[in-house]
Amino acid sequence: MVEVILPTQIRMIAQLKPKVCVKVADGATLNTLLDGLEADYPALRGALRDPSSRRRRPFIRFFIAGEDFSNENPDSPLPISVVDQSEPVVIVGAIAGG
């Protein structure tokens, strides 16, 4: 299981609590984690990633073990500290405007 902390604007889409747990297999990656999150909460499909390209949305950032993982290969294995629930994956929704 991986603990995921969601930003308010994403939580509101699926009416979720700030933290959710997602079941992942051994060798889990950011992509497989997001696949599981979208499978568990179908309302999130398309909110974090483009549904056809599977690339992250421009104003969505992923922090893993305290590091910005947004531009890393989403098929890289998640750190052990995330998989064993020592640290959460934090999803941040940036806000822009003038």
N, C-alpha and C. Protein backbone atom coordinates (compact mmCIF):
# COMPACT_ATOMS: atom_id res chain seq x y z
N MET A 1 0.84 -1.18 0.00
CA MET A 1 0.00 0.00 0.00
C MET A 1 0.89 1.25 0.00
N VAL A 2 0.41 2.24 -0.70
CA VAL A 2 1.10 3.53 -0.75
C VAL A 2 0.11 4.59 -0.29
N GLU A 3 0.58 5.43 0.62
CA GLU A 3 -0.25 6.54 1.09
C GLU A 3 -0.07 7.72 0.12
N VAL A 4 -1.19 8.28 -0.31
CA VAL A 4 -1.17 9.40 -1.24
C VAL A 4 -1.90 10.58 -0.60
N ILE A 5 -1.25 11.73 -0.60
CA ILE A 5 -1.87 12.95 -0.09
C ILE A 5 -2.30 13.77 -1.30
N LEU A 6 -3.58 14.10 -1.33
CA LEU A 6 -4.17 14.78 -2.48
C LEU A 6 -4.46 16.25 -2.19
N PRO A 7 -4.31 17.12 -3.20
CA PRO A 7 -4.65 18.53 -3.00
C PRO A 7 -6.17 18.71 -2.97
N THR A 8 -6.60 19.78 -2.36
CA THR A 8 -8.04 20.04 -2.19
C THR A 8 -8.80 19.99 -3.50
N GLN A 9 -8.29 20.65 -4.54
CA GLN A 9 -9.04 20.70 -5.80
C GLN A 9 -9.21 19.32 -6.43
N ILE A 10 -8.29 18.41 -6.21
CA ILE A 10 -8.42 17.04 -6.72
C ILE A 10 -9.34 16.22 -5.82
N ARG A 11 -9.20 16.39 -4.51
CA ARG A 11 -10.08 15.67 -3.56
C ARG A 11 -11.54 15.98 -3.83
N MET A 12 -11.83 17.23 -4.15
CA MET A 12 -13.22 17.64 -4.35
C MET A 12 -13.87 16.92 -5.54
N ILE A 13 -13.08 16.57 -6.54
CA ILE A 13 -13.62 15.88 -7.72
C ILE A 13 -14.26 14.56 -7.33
N ALA A 14 -13.58 13.82 -6.45
CA ALA A 14 -14.07 12.49 -6.06
C ALA A 14 -14.58 12.45 -4.62
N GLN A 15 -14.67 13.61 -3.98
CA GLN A 15 -15.13 13.71 -2.59
C GLN A 15 -14.34 12.77 -1.68
N LEU A 16 -13.02 12.96 -1.69
CA LEU A 16 -12.11 12.12 -0.92
C LEU A 16 -11.57 12.86 0.29
N LYS A 17 -11.03 12.09 1.22
CA LYS A 17 -10.30 12.65 2.36
C LYS A 17 -8.91 13.07 1.87
N PRO A 18 -8.18 13.85 2.67
CA PRO A 18 -6.86 14.31 2.23
C PRO A 18 -5.87 13.19 1.93
N LYS A 19 -6.00 12.06 2.64
CA LYS A 19 -5.08 10.94 2.44
C LYS A 19 -5.87 9.71 2.01
N VAL A 20 -5.34 9.02 1.00
CA VAL A 20 -5.91 7.74 0.58
C VAL A 20 -4.77 6.75 0.47
N CYS A 21 -5.08 5.47 0.57
CA CYS A 21 -4.09 4.42 0.39
C CYS A 21 -4.43 3.64 -0.87
N VAL A 22 -3.41 3.36 -1.64
CA VAL A 22 -3.57 2.65 -2.91
C VAL A 22 -2.73 1.39 -2.86
N LYS A 23 -3.36 0.26 -3.19
CA LYS A 23 -2.64 -1.01 -3.23
C LYS A 23 -1.78 -1.06 -4.48
N VAL A 24 -0.51 -1.42 -4.31
CA VAL A 24 0.41 -1.53 -5.44
C VAL A 24 1.15 -2.86 -5.36
N ALA A 25 1.60 -3.33 -6.49
CA ALA A 25 2.37 -4.57 -6.55
C ALA A 25 3.85 -4.26 -6.32
N ASP A 26 4.64 -5.31 -6.13
CA ASP A 26 6.09 -5.15 -6.03
C ASP A 26 6.60 -4.48 -7.30
N GLY A 27 7.60 -3.64 -7.15
CA GLY A 27 8.15 -2.93 -8.29
C GLY A 27 7.27 -1.80 -8.78
N ALA A 28 6.42 -1.29 -7.91
CA ALA A 28 5.48 -0.24 -8.29
C ALA A 28 6.21 1.00 -8.79
N THR A 29 5.59 1.66 -9.74
CA THR A 29 6.10 2.91 -10.31
C THR A 29 5.05 4.00 -10.11
N LEU A 30 5.41 5.21 -10.44
CA LEU A 30 4.42 6.29 -10.37
C LEU A 30 3.25 5.99 -11.29
N ASN A 31 3.53 5.47 -12.49
CA ASN A 31 2.44 5.15 -13.41
C ASN A 31 1.52 4.07 -12.85
N THR A 32 2.07 3.02 -12.26
CA THR A 32 1.20 1.97 -11.71
C THR A 32 0.45 2.47 -10.49
N LEU A 33 1.07 3.36 -9.72
CA LEU A 33 0.36 3.97 -8.58
C LEU A 33 -0.82 4.80 -9.09
N LEU A 34 -0.59 5.61 -10.10
CA LEU A 34 -1.67 6.43 -10.65
C LEU A 34 -2.74 5.57 -11.31
N ASP A 35 -2.33 4.47 -11.94
CA ASP A 35 -3.32 3.52 -12.49
C ASP A 35 -4.22 3.01 -11.38
N GLY A 36 -3.62 2.63 -10.25
CA GLY A 36 -4.39 2.13 -9.12
C GLY A 36 -5.29 3.19 -8.52
N LEU A 37 -4.78 4.40 -8.42
CA LEU A 37 -5.57 5.51 -7.88
C LEU A 37 -6.79 5.78 -8.77
N GLU A 38 -6.57 5.78 -10.08
CA GLU A 38 -7.68 6.01 -11.01
C GLU A 38 -8.65 4.83 -11.04
N ALA A 39 -8.15 3.62 -10.83
CA ALA A 39 -9.04 2.45 -10.78
C ALA A 39 -9.91 2.50 -9.52
N ASP A 40 -9.30 2.87 -8.39
CA ASP A 40 -10.04 2.96 -7.13
C ASP A 40 -11.02 4.14 -7.12
N TYR A 41 -10.65 5.22 -7.77
CA TYR A 41 -11.45 6.44 -7.78
C TYR A 41 -11.61 6.92 -9.22
N PRO A 42 -12.52 6.31 -9.98
CA PRO A 42 -12.67 6.63 -11.41
C PRO A 42 -12.92 8.11 -11.71
N ALA A 43 -13.46 8.85 -10.78
CA ALA A 43 -13.69 10.28 -11.00
C ALA A 43 -12.38 11.03 -11.22
N LEU A 44 -11.26 10.45 -10.80
CA LEU A 44 -9.96 11.11 -10.95
C LEU A 44 -9.34 10.90 -12.33
N ARG A 45 -9.93 10.00 -13.14
CA ARG A 45 -9.37 9.76 -14.48
C ARG A 45 -9.36 11.06 -15.27
N GLY A 46 -8.19 11.40 -15.76
CA GLY A 46 -8.04 12.63 -16.53
C GLY A 46 -7.73 13.86 -15.70
N ALA A 47 -7.84 13.76 -14.39
CA ALA A 47 -7.56 14.92 -13.53
C ALA A 47 -6.07 15.10 -13.29
N LEU A 48 -5.34 14.00 -13.18
CA LEU A 48 -3.91 14.06 -12.89
C LEU A 48 -3.06 13.88 -14.14
N ARG A 49 -3.57 13.06 -15.07
CA ARG A 49 -2.85 12.76 -16.30
C ARG A 49 -3.80 12.89 -17.49
N ASP A 50 -3.23 13.20 -18.63
CA ASP A 50 -4.00 13.17 -19.86
C ASP A 50 -4.39 11.71 -20.12
N PRO A 51 -5.66 11.41 -20.36
CA PRO A 51 -6.08 10.01 -20.50
C PRO A 51 -5.47 9.29 -21.71
N SER A 52 -5.16 10.00 -22.77
CA SER A 52 -4.60 9.31 -23.94
C SER A 52 -3.08 9.20 -23.89
N SER A 53 -2.40 10.25 -23.51
CA SER A 53 -0.92 10.20 -23.48
C SER A 53 -0.38 9.70 -22.15
N ARG A 54 -1.19 9.76 -21.10
CA ARG A 54 -0.80 9.38 -19.73
C ARG A 54 0.28 10.30 -19.15
N ARG A 55 0.48 11.47 -19.75
CA ARG A 55 1.42 12.45 -19.21
C ARG A 55 0.72 13.28 -18.15
N ARG A 56 1.49 13.71 -17.17
CA ARG A 56 0.89 14.49 -16.08
C ARG A 56 0.36 15.80 -16.62
N ARG A 57 -0.69 16.27 -15.99
CA ARG A 57 -1.27 17.55 -16.35
C ARG A 57 -0.28 18.66 -15.98
N PRO A 58 -0.27 19.78 -16.72
CA PRO A 58 0.73 20.83 -16.52
C PRO A 58 0.82 21.38 -15.10
N PHE A 59 -0.27 21.53 -14.39
CA PHE A 59 -0.22 22.14 -13.07
C PHE A 59 -0.25 21.13 -11.94
N ILE A 60 0.04 19.87 -12.25
CA ILE A 60 0.10 18.82 -11.24
C ILE A 60 1.56 18.47 -11.00
N ARG A 61 1.94 18.37 -9.73
CA ARG A 61 3.31 17.99 -9.36
C ARG A 61 3.24 16.80 -8.43
N PHE A 62 4.25 15.92 -8.52
CA PHE A 62 4.33 14.73 -7.67
C PHE A 62 5.60 14.83 -6.83
N PHE A 63 5.45 14.73 -5.51
CA PHE A 63 6.60 14.73 -4.61
C PHE A 63 6.69 13.36 -3.96
N ILE A 64 7.85 12.75 -4.11
CA ILE A 64 8.08 11.41 -3.59
C ILE A 64 9.32 11.46 -2.71
N ALA A 65 9.16 11.03 -1.46
CA ALA A 65 10.26 11.04 -0.49
C ALA A 65 10.87 12.44 -0.40
N GLY A 66 10.02 13.47 -0.46
CA GLY A 66 10.47 14.84 -0.30
C GLY A 66 11.09 15.47 -1.53
N GLU A 67 11.16 14.73 -2.63
CA GLU A 67 11.77 15.24 -3.85
C GLU A 67 10.71 15.41 -4.94
N ASP A 68 10.88 16.44 -5.76
CA ASP A 68 9.97 16.66 -6.88
C ASP A 68 10.24 15.59 -7.93
N PHE A 69 9.27 14.73 -8.14
CA PHE A 69 9.39 13.59 -9.05
C PHE A 69 8.65 13.86 -10.35
N SER A 70 8.14 15.05 -10.51
CA SER A 70 7.25 15.39 -11.62
C SER A 70 7.87 15.17 -13.00
N ASN A 71 9.14 15.45 -13.14
CA ASN A 71 9.79 15.32 -14.45
C ASN A 71 10.64 14.07 -14.57
N GLU A 72 10.58 13.20 -13.58
CA GLU A 72 11.31 11.94 -13.63
C GLU A 72 10.53 10.93 -14.47
N ASN A 73 11.20 9.87 -14.84
CA ASN A 73 10.55 8.80 -15.60
C ASN A 73 9.45 8.18 -14.74
N PRO A 74 8.18 8.24 -15.16
CA PRO A 74 7.10 7.70 -14.34
C PRO A 74 7.09 6.18 -14.27
N ASP A 75 7.99 5.54 -15.02
CA ASP A 75 8.10 4.08 -14.95
C ASP A 75 9.28 3.63 -14.09
N SER A 76 9.92 4.58 -13.40
CA SER A 76 10.98 4.24 -12.44
C SER A 76 10.34 3.68 -11.18
N PRO A 77 10.97 2.69 -10.55
CA PRO A 77 10.40 2.14 -9.31
C PRO A 77 10.28 3.19 -8.22
N LEU A 78 9.21 3.10 -7.45
CA LEU A 78 9.04 3.98 -6.30
C LEU A 78 10.05 3.61 -5.22
N PRO A 79 10.52 4.58 -4.44
CA PRO A 79 11.44 4.27 -3.34
C PRO A 79 10.78 3.33 -2.32
N ILE A 80 11.59 2.51 -1.68
CA ILE A 80 11.09 1.57 -0.66
C ILE A 80 10.36 2.32 0.44
N SER A 81 10.84 3.50 0.81
CA SER A 81 10.20 4.27 1.89
C SER A 81 8.76 4.64 1.55
N VAL A 82 8.43 4.71 0.28
CA VAL A 82 7.06 5.00 -0.14
C VAL A 82 6.23 3.72 -0.12
N VAL A 83 6.79 2.65 -0.65
CA VAL A 83 6.07 1.38 -0.73
C VAL A 83 5.77 0.81 0.65
N ASP A 84 6.69 1.01 1.61
CA ASP A 84 6.44 0.49 2.96
C ASP A 84 5.69 1.49 3.84
N GLN A 85 5.19 2.55 3.25
CA GLN A 85 4.38 3.59 3.90
C GLN A 85 5.13 4.41 4.94
N SER A 86 6.46 4.44 4.86
CA SER A 86 7.22 5.34 5.73
C SER A 86 7.03 6.78 5.29
N GLU A 87 6.87 6.98 3.99
CA GLU A 87 6.67 8.32 3.44
C GLU A 87 5.54 8.27 2.42
N PRO A 88 4.74 9.34 2.34
CA PRO A 88 3.65 9.37 1.36
C PRO A 88 4.11 9.93 0.01
N VAL A 89 3.28 9.72 -0.99
CA VAL A 89 3.41 10.44 -2.25
C VAL A 89 2.49 11.65 -2.10
N VAL A 90 3.03 12.83 -2.33
CA VAL A 90 2.26 14.06 -2.19
C VAL A 90 2.00 14.61 -3.59
N ILE A 91 0.73 14.80 -3.90
CA ILE A 91 0.34 15.39 -5.18
C ILE A 91 -0.05 16.84 -4.90
N VAL A 92 0.55 17.74 -5.67
CA VAL A 92 0.30 19.16 -5.48
C VAL A 92 -0.33 19.72 -6.75
N GLY A 93 -1.37 20.47 -6.58
CA GLY A 93 -2.00 21.15 -7.71
C GLY A 93 -1.64 22.62 -7.65
N ALA A 94 -0.81 23.07 -8.58
CA ALA A 94 -0.39 24.46 -8.61
C ALA A 94 -1.53 25.35 -9.07
N ILE A 95 -1.48 26.59 -8.65
CA ILE A 95 -2.49 27.57 -9.03
C ILE A 95 -1.77 28.71 -9.74
N ALA A 96 -2.30 29.13 -10.85
CA ALA A 96 -1.69 30.22 -11.60
C ALA A 96 -2.75 31.29 -11.87
N GLY A 97 -2.28 32.43 -12.13
CA GLY A 97 -3.21 33.51 -12.45
C GLY A 97 -2.53 34.85 -12.34
N GLY A 98 -3.26 35.86 -12.57
CA GLY A 98 -2.66 37.18 -12.57
C GLY A 98 -3.27 38.09 -11.56
